[in-house]
Amino acid sequence: MRVAATEAAAELLRRLRADHGPLMFHQSGGCCDGSAPMCYPAGEFRTGGSDVHLGDLAVEGIEPVPVWMSAAQFQYWRHTHLTIDVVPGRGAGFSLEAPEGVRFLLRSRLLTPQDGE
């Protein structure tokens, strides 16, 4: 597992899922809102050959939420486990949580042998 979500993020994802349908994440590369995990309705952000599927968030009560990152950015993050969290404040991007007065945030740590790396 390369990606996970905190319980606070999972709770918000369940609410966003109820309002917007299936979800996805794309880790922005610094253009909008620095380098933040951006949440979109599934399929709203087009991914392709220049993106890496990091894995799916397992959130109880909703379908898995795929997490993507650009291949170029993945070169910097390839040795890390990423946890999506939520904190107070408003990001500047187009992510679905923006109107909620919170923003998604990445927490990272190095992958360990227990992660399968």
PDB file of N, CA and C in Angstrom:
ATOM      1  N   MET A   1       0.838  -1.192   0.000  1.00  0.00           N
ATOM      2  CA  MET A   1       0.000   0.000   0.000  1.00  0.00           C
ATOM      3  C   MET A   1       0.874   1.244   0.000  1.00  0.00           C
ATOM      4  N   ARG A   2       0.681   2.063  -0.979  1.00  0.00           N
ATOM      5  CA  ARG A   2       1.459   3.297  -1.113  1.00  0.00           C
ATOM      6  C   ARG A   2       0.657   4.512  -0.662  1.00  0.00           C
ATOM      7  N   VAL A   3      -0.672   4.380  -0.557  1.00  0.00           N
ATOM      8  CA  VAL A   3      -1.536   5.505  -0.172  1.00  0.00           C
ATOM      9  C   VAL A   3      -2.531   5.070   0.902  1.00  0.00           C
ATOM     10  N   ALA A   4      -2.905   6.035   1.738  1.00  0.00           N
ATOM     11  CA  ALA A   4      -3.895   5.801   2.790  1.00  0.00           C
ATOM     12  C   ALA A   4      -4.588   7.126   3.083  1.00  0.00           C
ATOM     13  N   ALA A   5      -5.637   7.058   3.889  1.00  0.00           N
ATOM     14  CA  ALA A   5      -6.354   8.262   4.310  1.00  0.00           C
ATOM     15  C   ALA A   5      -6.550   8.205   5.819  1.00  0.00           C
ATOM     16  N   THR A   6      -6.474   9.363   6.448  1.00  0.00           N
ATOM     17  CA  THR A   6      -6.782   9.435   7.872  1.00  0.00           C
ATOM     18  C   THR A   6      -8.292   9.278   8.039  1.00  0.00           C
ATOM     19  N   GLU A   7      -8.734   9.029   9.264  1.00  0.00           N
ATOM     20  CA  GLU A   7     -10.170   8.915   9.507  1.00  0.00           C
ATOM     21  C   GLU A   7     -10.876  10.236   9.209  1.00  0.00           C
ATOM     22  N   ALA A   8     -10.232  11.363   9.507  1.00  0.00           N
ATOM     23  CA  ALA A   8     -10.841  12.668   9.196  1.00  0.00           C
ATOM     24  C   ALA A   8     -11.035  12.827   7.690  1.00  0.00           C
ATOM     25  N   ALA A   9     -10.036  12.429   6.910  1.00  0.00           N
ATOM     26  CA  ALA A   9     -10.158  12.500   5.448  1.00  0.00           C
ATOM     27  C   ALA A   9     -11.234  11.534   4.957  1.00  0.00           C
ATOM     28  N   ALA A  10     -11.286  10.326   5.541  1.00  0.00           N
ATOM     29  CA  ALA A  10     -12.286   9.339   5.133  1.00  0.00           C
ATOM     30  C   ALA A  10     -13.699   9.860   5.387  1.00  0.00           C
ATOM     31  N   GLU A  11     -13.894  10.509   6.527  1.00  0.00           N
ATOM     32  CA  GLU A  11     -15.209  11.074   6.841  1.00  0.00           C
ATOM     33  C   GLU A  11     -15.615  12.118   5.810  1.00  0.00           C
ATOM     34  N   LEU A  12     -14.680  13.001   5.455  1.00  0.00           N
ATOM     35  CA  LEU A  12     -14.964  14.012   4.442  1.00  0.00           C
ATOM     36  C   LEU A  12     -15.216  13.363   3.083  1.00  0.00           C
ATOM     37  N   LEU A  13     -14.461  12.347   2.746  1.00  0.00           N
ATOM     38  CA  LEU A  13     -14.669  11.661   1.469  1.00  0.00           C
ATOM     39  C   LEU A  13     -16.059  11.023   1.398  1.00  0.00           C
ATOM     40  N   ARG A  14     -16.551  10.483   2.494  1.00  0.00           N
ATOM     41  CA  ARG A  14     -17.916   9.919   2.490  1.00  0.00           C
ATOM     42  C   ARG A  14     -18.945  11.020   2.216  1.00  0.00           C
ATOM     43  N   ARG A  15     -18.757  12.196   2.808  1.00  0.00           N
ATOM     44  CA  ARG A  15     -19.688  13.313   2.558  1.00  0.00           C
ATOM     45  C   ARG A  15     -19.589  13.791   1.110  1.00  0.00           C
ATOM     46  N   LEU A  16     -18.361  13.940   0.616  1.00  0.00           N
ATOM     47  CA  LEU A  16     -18.185  14.381  -0.776  1.00  0.00           C
ATOM     48  C   LEU A  16     -18.758  13.359  -1.745  1.00  0.00           C
ATOM     49  N   ARG A  17     -18.599  12.076  -1.425  1.00  0.00           N
ATOM     50  CA  ARG A  17     -19.149  11.010  -2.286  1.00  0.00           C
ATOM     51  C   ARG A  17     -20.665  11.129  -2.355  1.00  0.00           C
ATOM     52  N   ALA A  18     -21.306  11.416  -1.223  1.00  0.00           N
ATOM     53  CA  ALA A  18     -22.767  11.556  -1.190  1.00  0.00           C
ATOM     54  C   ALA A  18     -23.227  12.722  -2.069  1.00  0.00           C
ATOM     55  N   ASP A  19     -22.431  13.777  -2.125  1.00  0.00           N
ATOM     56  CA  ASP A  19     -22.801  14.969  -2.904  1.00  0.00           C
ATOM     57  C   ASP A  19     -22.393  14.903  -4.376  1.00  0.00           C
ATOM     58  N   HIS A  20     -21.280  14.220  -4.680  1.00  0.00           N
ATOM     59  CA  HIS A  20     -20.697  14.310  -6.027  1.00  0.00           C
ATOM     60  C   HIS A  20     -20.549  12.980  -6.756  1.00  0.00           C
ATOM     61  N   GLY A  21     -20.878  11.875  -6.120  1.00  0.00           N
ATOM     62  CA  GLY A  21     -20.688  10.577  -6.755  1.00  0.00           C
ATOM     63  C   GLY A  21     -19.266  10.067  -6.543  1.00  0.00           C
ATOM     64  N   PRO A  22     -18.870   9.026  -7.293  1.00  0.00           N
ATOM     65  CA  PRO A  22     -17.522   8.451  -7.135  1.00  0.00           C
ATOM     66  C   PRO A  22     -16.437   9.510  -7.288  1.00  0.00           C
ATOM     67  N   LEU A  23     -15.350   9.308  -6.547  1.00  0.00           N
ATOM     68  CA  LEU A  23     -14.287  10.314  -6.459  1.00  0.00           C
ATOM     69  C   LEU A  23     -12.952   9.781  -6.951  1.00  0.00           C
ATOM     70  N   MET A  24     -12.021  10.708  -7.159  1.00  0.00           N
ATOM     71  CA  MET A  24     -10.637  10.385  -7.492  1.00  0.00           C
ATOM     72  C   MET A  24      -9.745  11.498  -6.954  1.00  0.00           C
ATOM     73  N   PHE A  25      -8.452  11.197  -6.800  1.00  0.00           N
ATOM     74  CA  PHE A  25      -7.465  12.207  -6.433  1.00  0.00           C
ATOM     75  C   PHE A  25      -6.413  12.285  -7.519  1.00  0.00           C
ATOM     76  N   HIS A  26      -5.895  13.497  -7.710  1.00  0.00           N
ATOM     77  CA  HIS A  26      -4.684  13.682  -8.500  1.00  0.00           C
ATOM     78  C   HIS A  26      -3.792  14.609  -7.688  1.00  0.00           C
ATOM     79  N   GLN A  27      -2.573  14.159  -7.446  1.00  0.00           N
ATOM     80  CA  GLN A  27      -1.605  14.976  -6.713  1.00  0.00           C
ATOM     81  C   GLN A  27      -1.086  16.042  -7.649  1.00  0.00           C
ATOM     82  N   SER A  28      -1.431  17.310  -7.344  1.00  0.00           N
ATOM     83  CA  SER A  28      -1.024  18.393  -8.221  1.00  0.00           C
ATOM     84  C   SER A  28       0.482  18.566  -8.176  1.00  0.00           C
ATOM     85  N   GLY A  29       1.015  19.108  -9.239  1.00  0.00           N
ATOM     86  CA  GLY A  29       2.456  19.263  -9.353  1.00  0.00           C
ATOM     87  C   GLY A  29       2.965  20.652  -9.060  1.00  0.00           C
ATOM     88  N   GLY A  30       2.218  21.460  -8.346  1.00  0.00           N
ATOM     89  CA  GLY A  30       2.720  22.765  -7.962  1.00  0.00           C
ATOM     90  C   GLY A  30       2.064  23.920  -8.680  1.00  0.00           C
ATOM     91  N   CYS A  31       1.269  23.666  -9.688  1.00  0.00           N
ATOM     92  CA  CYS A  31       0.634  24.738 -10.447  1.00  0.00           C
ATOM     93  C   CYS A  31      -0.442  25.426  -9.621  1.00  0.00           C
ATOM     94  N   CYS A  32      -1.387  24.653  -9.136  1.00  0.00           N
ATOM     95  CA  CYS A  32      -2.503  25.199  -8.360  1.00  0.00           C
ATOM     96  C   CYS A  32      -2.377  24.752  -6.915  1.00  0.00           C
ATOM     97  N   ASP A  33      -2.379  25.678  -6.008  1.00  0.00           N
ATOM     98  CA  ASP A  33      -2.350  25.376  -4.580  1.00  0.00           C
ATOM     99  C   ASP A  33      -1.079  24.650  -4.170  1.00  0.00           C
ATOM    100  N   GLY A  34       0.032  25.048  -4.739  1.00  0.00           N
ATOM    101  CA  GLY A  34       1.300  24.415  -4.369  1.00  0.00           C
ATOM    102  C   GLY A  34       1.361  22.988  -4.881  1.00  0.00           C
ATOM    103  N   SER A  35       1.488  22.057  -3.979  1.00  0.00           N
ATOM    104  CA  SER A  35       1.515  20.645  -4.342  1.00  0.00           C
ATOM    105  C   SER A  35       0.547  19.932  -3.417  1.00  0.00           C
ATOM    106  N   ALA A  36      -0.721  19.959  -3.758  1.00  0.00           N
ATOM    107  CA  ALA A  36      -1.773  19.447  -2.893  1.00  0.00           C
ATOM    108  C   ALA A  36      -2.526  18.303  -3.564  1.00  0.00           C
ATOM    109  N   PRO A  37      -3.043  17.379  -2.761  1.00  0.00           N
ATOM    110  CA  PRO A  37      -3.904  16.346  -3.336  1.00  0.00           C
ATOM    111  C   PRO A  37      -5.253  16.968  -3.699  1.00  0.00           C
ATOM    112  N   MET A  38      -5.610  16.867  -4.949  1.00  0.00           N
ATOM    113  CA  MET A  38      -6.842  17.477  -5.439  1.00  0.00           C
ATOM    114  C   MET A  38      -7.889  16.387  -5.650  1.00  0.00           C
ATOM    115  N   CYS A  39      -9.071  16.583  -5.075  1.00  0.00           N
ATOM    116  CA  CYS A  39     -10.166  15.618  -5.159  1.00  0.00           C
ATOM    117  C   CYS A  39     -11.164  16.085  -6.223  1.00  0.00           C
ATOM    118  N   TYR A  40     -11.503  15.166  -7.116  1.00  0.00           N
ATOM    119  CA  TYR A  40     -12.425  15.462  -8.217  1.00  0.00           C
ATOM    120  C   TYR A  40     -13.477  14.361  -8.309  1.00  0.00           C
ATOM    121  N   PRO A  41     -14.619  14.640  -8.961  1.00  0.00           N
ATOM    122  CA  PRO A  41     -15.501  13.533  -9.316  1.00  0.00           C
ATOM    123  C   PRO A  41     -14.723  12.574 -10.223  1.00  0.00           C
ATOM    124  N   ALA A  42     -14.924  11.292 -10.051  1.00  0.00           N
ATOM    125  CA  ALA A  42     -14.197  10.291 -10.845  1.00  0.00           C
ATOM    126  C   ALA A  42     -14.327  10.609 -12.331  1.00  0.00           C
ATOM    127  N   GLY A  43     -13.188  10.630 -13.024  1.00  0.00           N
ATOM    128  CA  GLY A  43     -13.163  10.895 -14.448  1.00  0.00           C
ATOM    129  C   GLY A  43     -13.123  12.368 -14.817  1.00  0.00           C
ATOM    130  N   GLU A  44     -13.323  13.259 -13.847  1.00  0.00           N
ATOM    131  CA  GLU A  44     -13.327  14.702 -14.130  1.00  0.00           C
ATOM    132  C   GLU A  44     -11.933  15.207 -14.506  1.00  0.00           C
ATOM    133  N   PHE A  45     -10.910  14.622 -13.903  1.00  0.00           N
ATOM    134  CA  PHE A  45      -9.529  14.957 -14.241  1.00  0.00           C
ATOM    135  C   PHE A  45      -9.013  13.831 -15.124  1.00  0.00           C
ATOM    136  N   ARG A  46      -8.623  14.175 -16.320  1.00  0.00           N
ATOM    137  CA  ARG A  46      -8.162  13.145 -17.262  1.00  0.00           C
ATOM    138  C   ARG A  46      -6.742  12.705 -16.946  1.00  0.00           C
ATOM    139  N   THR A  47      -6.572  11.404 -16.804  1.00  0.00           N
ATOM    140  CA  THR A  47      -5.250  10.831 -16.598  1.00  0.00           C
ATOM    141  C   THR A  47      -4.838  10.104 -17.870  1.00  0.00           C
ATOM    142  N   GLY A  48      -3.542   9.913 -18.008  1.00  0.00           N
ATOM    143  CA  GLY A  48      -3.048   9.242 -19.207  1.00  0.00           C
ATOM    144  C   GLY A  48      -1.682   8.646 -18.963  1.00  0.00           C
ATOM    145  N   GLY A  49      -0.942   8.455 -20.019  1.00  0.00           N
ATOM    146  CA  GLY A  49       0.362   7.829 -19.964  1.00  0.00           C
ATOM    147  C   GLY A  49       1.390   8.611 -19.164  1.00  0.00           C
ATOM    148  N   SER A  50       1.124   9.868 -18.922  1.00  0.00           N
ATOM    149  CA  SER A  50       2.071  10.669 -18.142  1.00  0.00           C
ATOM    150  C   SER A  50       1.705  10.709 -16.663  1.00  0.00           C
ATOM    151  N   ASP A  51       0.771   9.849 -16.247  1.00  0.00           N
ATOM    152  CA  ASP A  51       0.351   9.770 -14.851  1.00  0.00           C
ATOM    153  C   ASP A  51       0.599   8.371 -14.308  1.00  0.00           C
ATOM    154  N   VAL A  52       0.823   8.285 -12.989  1.00  0.00           N
ATOM    155  CA  VAL A  52       1.041   7.015 -12.297  1.00  0.00           C
ATOM    156  C   VAL A  52      -0.114   6.804 -11.330  1.00  0.00           C
ATOM    157  N   HIS A  53      -0.714   5.611 -11.387  1.00  0.00           N
ATOM    158  CA  HIS A  53      -1.765   5.251 -10.431  1.00  0.00           C
ATOM    159  C   HIS A  53      -1.069   4.741  -9.172  1.00  0.00           C
ATOM    160  N   LEU A  54      -1.132   5.496  -8.081  1.00  0.00           N
ATOM    161  CA  LEU A  54      -0.450   5.142  -6.842  1.00  0.00           C
ATOM    162  C   LEU A  54      -1.169   4.051  -6.063  1.00  0.00           C
ATOM    163  N   GLY A  55      -2.460   3.924  -6.282  1.00  0.00           N
ATOM    164  CA  GLY A  55      -3.273   2.951  -5.557  1.00  0.00           C
ATOM    165  C   GLY A  55      -4.644   3.532  -5.306  1.00  0.00           C
ATOM    166  N   ASP A  56      -5.432   2.798  -4.550  1.00  0.00           N
ATOM    167  CA  ASP A  56      -6.796   3.202  -4.237  1.00  0.00           C
ATOM    168  C   ASP A  56      -6.957   3.345  -2.734  1.00  0.00           C
ATOM    169  N   LEU A  57      -7.611   4.424  -2.314  1.00  0.00           N
ATOM    170  CA  LEU A  57      -7.921   4.597  -0.902  1.00  0.00           C
ATOM    171  C   LEU A  57      -9.093   3.692  -0.547  1.00  0.00           C
ATOM    172  N   ALA A  58      -8.946   2.928   0.506  1.00  0.00           N
ATOM    173  CA  ALA A  58     -10.031   2.078   1.002  1.00  0.00           C
ATOM    174  C   ALA A  58     -10.758   2.863   2.087  1.00  0.00           C
ATOM    175  N   VAL A  59     -11.950   3.328   1.757  1.00  0.00           N
ATOM    176  CA  VAL A  59     -12.758   4.120   2.685  1.00  0.00           C
ATOM    177  C   VAL A  59     -14.050   3.355   2.923  1.00  0.00           C
ATOM    178  N   GLU A  60     -14.289   2.996   4.167  1.00  0.00           N
ATOM    179  CA  GLU A  60     -15.489   2.228   4.496  1.00  0.00           C
ATOM    180  C   GLU A  60     -16.746   2.969   4.056  1.00  0.00           C
ATOM    181  N   GLY A  61     -17.632   2.255   3.385  1.00  0.00           N
ATOM    182  CA  GLY A  61     -18.906   2.816   2.980  1.00  0.00           C
ATOM    183  C   GLY A  61     -18.952   3.360   1.568  1.00  0.00           C
ATOM    184  N   ILE A  62     -17.793   3.507   0.911  1.00  0.00           N
ATOM    185  CA  ILE A  62     -17.792   3.969  -0.477  1.00  0.00           C
ATOM    186  C   ILE A  62     -16.816   3.105  -1.285  1.00  0.00           C
ATOM    187  N   GLU A  63     -16.932   3.200  -2.610  1.00  0.00           N
ATOM    188  CA  GLU A  63     -16.029   2.449  -3.475  1.00  0.00           C
ATOM    189  C   GLU A  63     -14.600   2.987  -3.338  1.00  0.00           C
ATOM    190  N   PRO A  64     -13.591   2.188  -3.710  1.00  0.00           N
ATOM    191  CA  PRO A  64     -12.203   2.660  -3.633  1.00  0.00           C
ATOM    192  C   PRO A  64     -12.021   3.974  -4.405  1.00  0.00           C
ATOM    193  N   VAL A  65     -11.168   4.838  -3.863  1.00  0.00           N
ATOM    194  CA  VAL A  65     -10.898   6.146  -4.456  1.00  0.00           C
ATOM    195  C   VAL A  65      -9.497   6.108  -5.057  1.00  0.00           C
ATOM    196  N   PRO A  66      -9.375   6.097  -6.390  1.00  0.00           N
ATOM    197  CA  PRO A  66      -8.047   6.046  -7.004  1.00  0.00           C
ATOM    198  C   PRO A  66      -7.258   7.336  -6.770  1.00  0.00           C
ATOM    199  N   VAL A  67      -5.942   7.152  -6.605  1.00  0.00           N
ATOM    200  CA  VAL A  67      -5.034   8.281  -6.382  1.00  0.00           C
ATOM    201  C   VAL A  67      -3.979   8.251  -7.481  1.00  0.00           C
ATOM    202  N   TRP A  68      -3.837   9.376  -8.172  1.00  0.00           N
ATOM    203  CA  TRP A  68      -2.920   9.509  -9.303  1.00  0.00           C
ATOM    204  C   TRP A  68      -1.898  10.606  -9.035  1.00  0.00           C
ATOM    205  N   MET A  69      -0.777  10.539  -9.744  1.00  0.00           N
ATOM    206  CA  MET A  69       0.272  11.556  -9.680  1.00  0.00           C
ATOM    207  C   MET A  69       0.963  11.582 -11.031  1.00  0.00           C
ATOM    208  N   SER A  70       1.451  12.746 -11.427  1.00  0.00           N
ATOM    209  CA  SER A  70       2.180  12.801 -12.692  1.00  0.00           C
ATOM    210  C   SER A  70       3.443  11.951 -12.588  1.00  0.00           C
ATOM    211  N   ALA A  71       3.830  11.334 -13.682  1.00  0.00           N
ATOM    212  CA  ALA A  71       5.020  10.473 -13.696  1.00  0.00           C
ATOM    213  C   ALA A  71       6.267  11.262 -13.337  1.00  0.00           C
ATOM    214  N   ALA A  72       6.363  12.504 -13.787  1.00  0.00           N
ATOM    215  CA  ALA A  72       7.530  13.323 -13.469  1.00  0.00           C
ATOM    216  C   ALA A  72       7.616  13.584 -11.968  1.00  0.00           C
ATOM    217  N   GLN A  73       6.492  13.909 -11.333  1.00  0.00           N
ATOM    218  CA  GLN A  73       6.493  14.152  -9.898  1.00  0.00           C
ATOM    219  C   GLN A  73       6.737  12.854  -9.129  1.00  0.00           C
ATOM    220  N   PHE A  74       6.241  11.745  -9.653  1.00  0.00           N
ATOM    221  CA  PHE A  74       6.429  10.454  -8.991  1.00  0.00           C
ATOM    222  C   PHE A  74       7.913  10.125  -8.820  1.00  0.00           C
ATOM    223  N   GLN A  75       8.753  10.598  -9.710  1.00  0.00           N
ATOM    224  CA  GLN A  75      10.185  10.341  -9.580  1.00  0.00           C
ATOM    225  C   GLN A  75      10.725  10.884  -8.252  1.00  0.00           C
ATOM    226  N   TYR A  76      10.154  11.957  -7.754  1.00  0.00           N
ATOM    227  CA  TYR A  76      10.579  12.532  -6.479  1.00  0.00           C
ATOM    228  C   TYR A  76       9.944  11.821  -5.280  1.00  0.00           C
ATOM    229  N   TRP A  77       8.766  11.252  -5.475  1.00  0.00           N
ATOM    230  CA  TRP A  77       7.973  10.678  -4.383  1.00  0.00           C
ATOM    231  C   TRP A  77       7.986   9.149  -4.379  1.00  0.00           C
ATOM    232  N   ARG A  78       8.699   8.511  -5.269  1.00  0.00           N
ATOM    233  CA  ARG A  78       8.585   7.060  -5.458  1.00  0.00           C
ATOM    234  C   ARG A  78       8.987   6.235  -4.246  1.00  0.00           C
ATOM    235  N   HIS A  79       9.738   6.804  -3.313  1.00  0.00           N
ATOM    236  CA  HIS A  79      10.166   6.066  -2.121  1.00  0.00           C
ATOM    237  C   HIS A  79       9.326   6.403  -0.894  1.00  0.00           C
ATOM    238  N   THR A  80       8.151   7.007  -1.116  1.00  0.00           N
ATOM    239  CA  THR A  80       7.337   7.449   0.020  1.00  0.00           C
ATOM    240  C   THR A  80       5.971   6.798   0.060  1.00  0.00           C
ATOM    241  N   HIS A  81       5.464   6.679   1.274  1.00  0.00           N
ATOM    242  CA  HIS A  81       4.069   6.307   1.523  1.00  0.00           C
ATOM    243  C   HIS A  81       3.340   7.619   1.773  1.00  0.00           C
ATOM    244  N   LEU A  82       2.199   7.812   1.142  1.00  0.00           N
ATOM    245  CA  LEU A  82       1.451   9.067   1.247  1.00  0.00           C
ATOM    246  C   LEU A  82       0.137   8.840   1.983  1.00  0.00           C
ATOM    247  N   THR A  83      -0.125   9.677   2.962  1.00  0.00           N
ATOM    248  CA  THR A  83      -1.389   9.637   3.696  1.00  0.00           C
ATOM    249  C   THR A  83      -2.114  10.945   3.440  1.00  0.00           C
ATOM    250  N   ILE A  84      -3.332  10.840   2.957  1.00  0.00           N
ATOM    251  CA  ILE A  84      -4.155  12.030   2.717  1.00  0.00           C
ATOM    252  C   ILE A  84      -4.892  12.353   4.007  1.00  0.00           C
ATOM    253  N   ASP A  85      -4.725  13.595   4.446  1.00  0.00           N
ATOM    254  CA  ASP A  85      -5.353  14.089   5.669  1.00  0.00           C
ATOM    255  C   ASP A  85      -6.180  15.313   5.293  1.00  0.00           C
ATOM    256  N   VAL A  86      -6.906  15.849   6.238  1.00  0.00           N
ATOM    257  CA  VAL A  86      -7.678  17.067   6.022  1.00  0.00           C
ATOM    258  C   VAL A  86      -7.403  18.012   7.191  1.00  0.00           C
ATOM    259  N   VAL A  87      -7.229  19.298   6.873  1.00  0.00           N
ATOM    260  CA  VAL A  87      -6.931  20.312   7.885  1.00  0.00           C
ATOM    261  C   VAL A  87      -7.818  21.533   7.645  1.00  0.00           C
ATOM    262  N   PRO A  88      -8.049  22.340   8.686  1.00  0.00           N
ATOM    263  CA  PRO A  88      -8.819  23.573   8.494  1.00  0.00           C
ATOM    264  C   PRO A  88      -8.094  24.515   7.541  1.00  0.00           C
ATOM    265  N   GLY A  89      -8.862  25.305   6.849  1.00  0.00           N
ATOM    266  CA  GLY A  89      -8.296  26.278   5.918  1.00  0.00           C
ATOM    267  C   GLY A  89      -8.801  26.019   4.522  1.00  0.00           C
ATOM    268  N   ARG A  90      -8.631  26.978   3.682  1.00  0.00           N
ATOM    269  CA  ARG A  90      -9.137  26.844   2.312  1.00  0.00           C
ATOM    270  C   ARG A  90      -7.966  26.854   1.344  1.00  0.00           C
ATOM    271  N   GLY A  91      -7.910  25.811   0.528  1.00  0.00           N
ATOM    272  CA  GLY A  91      -6.914  25.781  -0.528  1.00  0.00           C
ATOM    273  C   GLY A  91      -7.326  26.692  -1.668  1.00  0.00           C
ATOM    274  N   ALA A  92      -6.426  26.897  -2.594  1.00  0.00           N
ATOM    275  CA  ALA A  92      -6.707  27.802  -3.706  1.00  0.00           C
ATOM    276  C   ALA A  92      -7.071  27.059  -4.978  1.00  0.00           C
ATOM    277  N   GLY A  93      -7.207  25.753  -4.915  1.00  0.00           N
ATOM    278  CA  GLY A  93      -7.409  24.959  -6.108  1.00  0.00           C
ATOM    279  C   GLY A  93      -8.864  24.669  -6.418  1.00  0.00           C
ATOM    280  N   PHE A  94      -9.061  23.686  -7.275  1.00  0.00           N
ATOM    281  CA  PHE A  94     -10.393  23.310  -7.738  1.00  0.00           C
ATOM    282  C   PHE A  94     -10.891  22.050  -7.054  1.00  0.00           C
ATOM    283  N   SER A  95     -10.262  21.640  -5.982  1.00  0.00           N
ATOM    284  CA  SER A  95     -10.614  20.424  -5.283  1.00  0.00           C
ATOM    285  C   SER A  95     -11.999  20.548  -4.647  1.00  0.00           C
ATOM    286  N   LEU A  96     -12.728  19.426  -4.598  1.00  0.00           N
ATOM    287  CA  LEU A  96     -14.121  19.434  -4.142  1.00  0.00           C
ATOM    288  C   LEU A  96     -14.319  19.915  -2.709  1.00  0.00           C
ATOM    289  N   GLU A  97     -13.302  19.789  -1.865  1.00  0.00           N
ATOM    290  CA  GLU A  97     -13.484  20.178  -0.459  1.00  0.00           C
ATOM    291  C   GLU A  97     -13.376  21.684  -0.244  1.00  0.00           C
ATOM    292  N   ALA A  98     -12.959  22.449  -1.234  1.00  0.00           N
ATOM    293  CA  ALA A  98     -12.716  23.885  -1.075  1.00  0.00           C
ATOM    294  C   ALA A  98     -13.886  24.629  -0.410  1.00  0.00           C
ATOM    295  N   PRO A  99     -15.138  24.405  -0.807  1.00  0.00           N
ATOM    296  CA  PRO A  99     -16.243  25.140  -0.165  1.00  0.00           C
ATOM    297  C   PRO A  99     -16.505  24.726   1.286  1.00  0.00           C
ATOM    298  N   GLU A 100     -15.892  23.637   1.744  1.00  0.00           N
ATOM    299  CA  GLU A 100     -16.139  23.129   3.096  1.00  0.00           C
ATOM    300  C   GLU A 100     -15.327  23.847   4.167  1.00  0.00           C
ATOM    301  N   GLY A 101     -14.389  24.727   3.762  1.00  0.00           N
ATOM    302  CA  GLY A 101     -13.554  25.419   4.735  1.00  0.00           C
ATOM    303  C   GLY A 101     -12.402  24.574   5.255  1.00  0.00           C
ATOM    304  N   VAL A 102     -12.100  23.503   4.535  1.00  0.00           N
ATOM    305  CA  VAL A 102     -10.984  22.617   4.860  1.00  0.00           C
ATOM    306  C   VAL A 102     -10.229  22.330   3.571  1.00  0.00           C
ATOM    307  N   ARG A 103      -9.051  21.700   3.727  1.00  0.00           N
ATOM    308  CA  ARG A 103      -8.316  21.301   2.527  1.00  0.00           C
ATOM    309  C   ARG A 103      -7.609  19.993   2.791  1.00  0.00           C
ATOM    310  N   PHE A 104      -7.465  19.216   1.742  1.00  0.00           N
ATOM    311  CA  PHE A 104      -6.703  17.977   1.841  1.00  0.00           C
ATOM    312  C   PHE A 104      -5.219  18.323   1.886  1.00  0.00           C
ATOM    313  N   LEU A 105      -4.467  17.490   2.586  1.00  0.00           N
ATOM    314  CA  LEU A 105      -3.046  17.693   2.797  1.00  0.00           C
ATOM    315  C   LEU A 105      -2.367  16.331   2.739  1.00  0.00           C
ATOM    316  N   LEU A 106      -1.169  16.277   2.166  1.00  0.00           N
ATOM    317  CA  LEU A 106      -0.400  15.028   2.131  1.00  0.00           C
ATOM    318  C   LEU A 106       0.556  14.971   3.303  1.00  0.00           C
ATOM    319  N   ARG A 107       0.603  13.814   3.912  1.00  0.00           N
ATOM    320  CA  ARG A 107       1.626  13.513   4.912  1.00  0.00           C
ATOM    321  C   ARG A 107       2.422  12.361   4.324  1.00  0.00           C
ATOM    322  N   SER A 108       3.739  12.419   4.434  1.00  0.00           N
ATOM    323  CA  SER A 108       4.555  11.381   3.798  1.00  0.00           C
ATOM    324  C   SER A 108       5.567  10.799   4.768  1.00  0.00           C
ATOM    325  N   ARG A 109       5.965   9.583   4.456  1.00  0.00           N
ATOM    326  CA  ARG A 109       7.045   8.918   5.173  1.00  0.00           C
ATOM    327  C   ARG A 109       7.714   7.982   4.176  1.00  0.00           C
ATOM    328  N   LEU A 110       8.933   7.590   4.471  1.00  0.00           N
ATOM    329  CA  LEU A 110       9.623   6.651   3.588  1.00  0.00           C
ATOM    330  C   LEU A 110       8.947   5.285   3.639  1.00  0.00           C
ATOM    331  N   LEU A 111       8.901   4.623   2.498  1.00  0.00           N
ATOM    332  CA  LEU A 111       8.386   3.262   2.454  1.00  0.00           C
ATOM    333  C   LEU A 111       9.299   2.345   3.260  1.00  0.00           C
ATOM    334  N   THR A 112       8.718   1.330   3.856  1.00  0.00           N
ATOM    335  CA  THR A 112       9.454   0.356   4.648  1.00  0.00           C
ATOM    336  C   THR A 112       9.251  -1.022   4.033  1.00  0.00           C
ATOM    337  N   PRO A 113      10.050  -2.018   4.449  1.00  0.00           N
ATOM    338  CA  PRO A 113       9.834  -3.388   3.964  1.00  0.00           C
ATOM    339  C   PRO A 113       8.405  -3.882   4.251  1.00  0.00           C
ATOM    340  N   GLN A 114       7.781  -3.419   5.330  1.00  0.00           N
ATOM    341  CA  GLN A 114       6.409  -3.817   5.653  1.00  0.00           C
ATOM    342  C   GLN A 114       5.410  -3.297   4.618  1.00  0.00           C
ATOM    343  N   ASP A 115       5.780  -2.257   3.888  1.00  0.00           N
ATOM    344  CA  ASP A 115       4.921  -1.719   2.831  1.00  0.00           C
ATOM    345  C   ASP A 115       5.026  -2.531   1.553  1.00  0.00           C
ATOM    346  N   GLY A 116       5.961  -3.485   1.538  1.00  0.00           N
ATOM    347  CA  GLY A 116       6.135  -4.285   0.332  1.00  0.00           C
ATOM    348  C   GLY A 116       7.149  -3.706  -0.621  1.00  0.00           C
ATOM    349  N   GLU A 117       7.927  -2.748  -0.158  1.00  0.00           N
ATOM    350  CA  GLU A 117       8.943  -2.120  -1.009  1.00  0.00           C
ATOM    351  C   GLU A 117      10.309  -2.555  -0.569  1.00  0.00           C
TER     352      GLU A 117
END
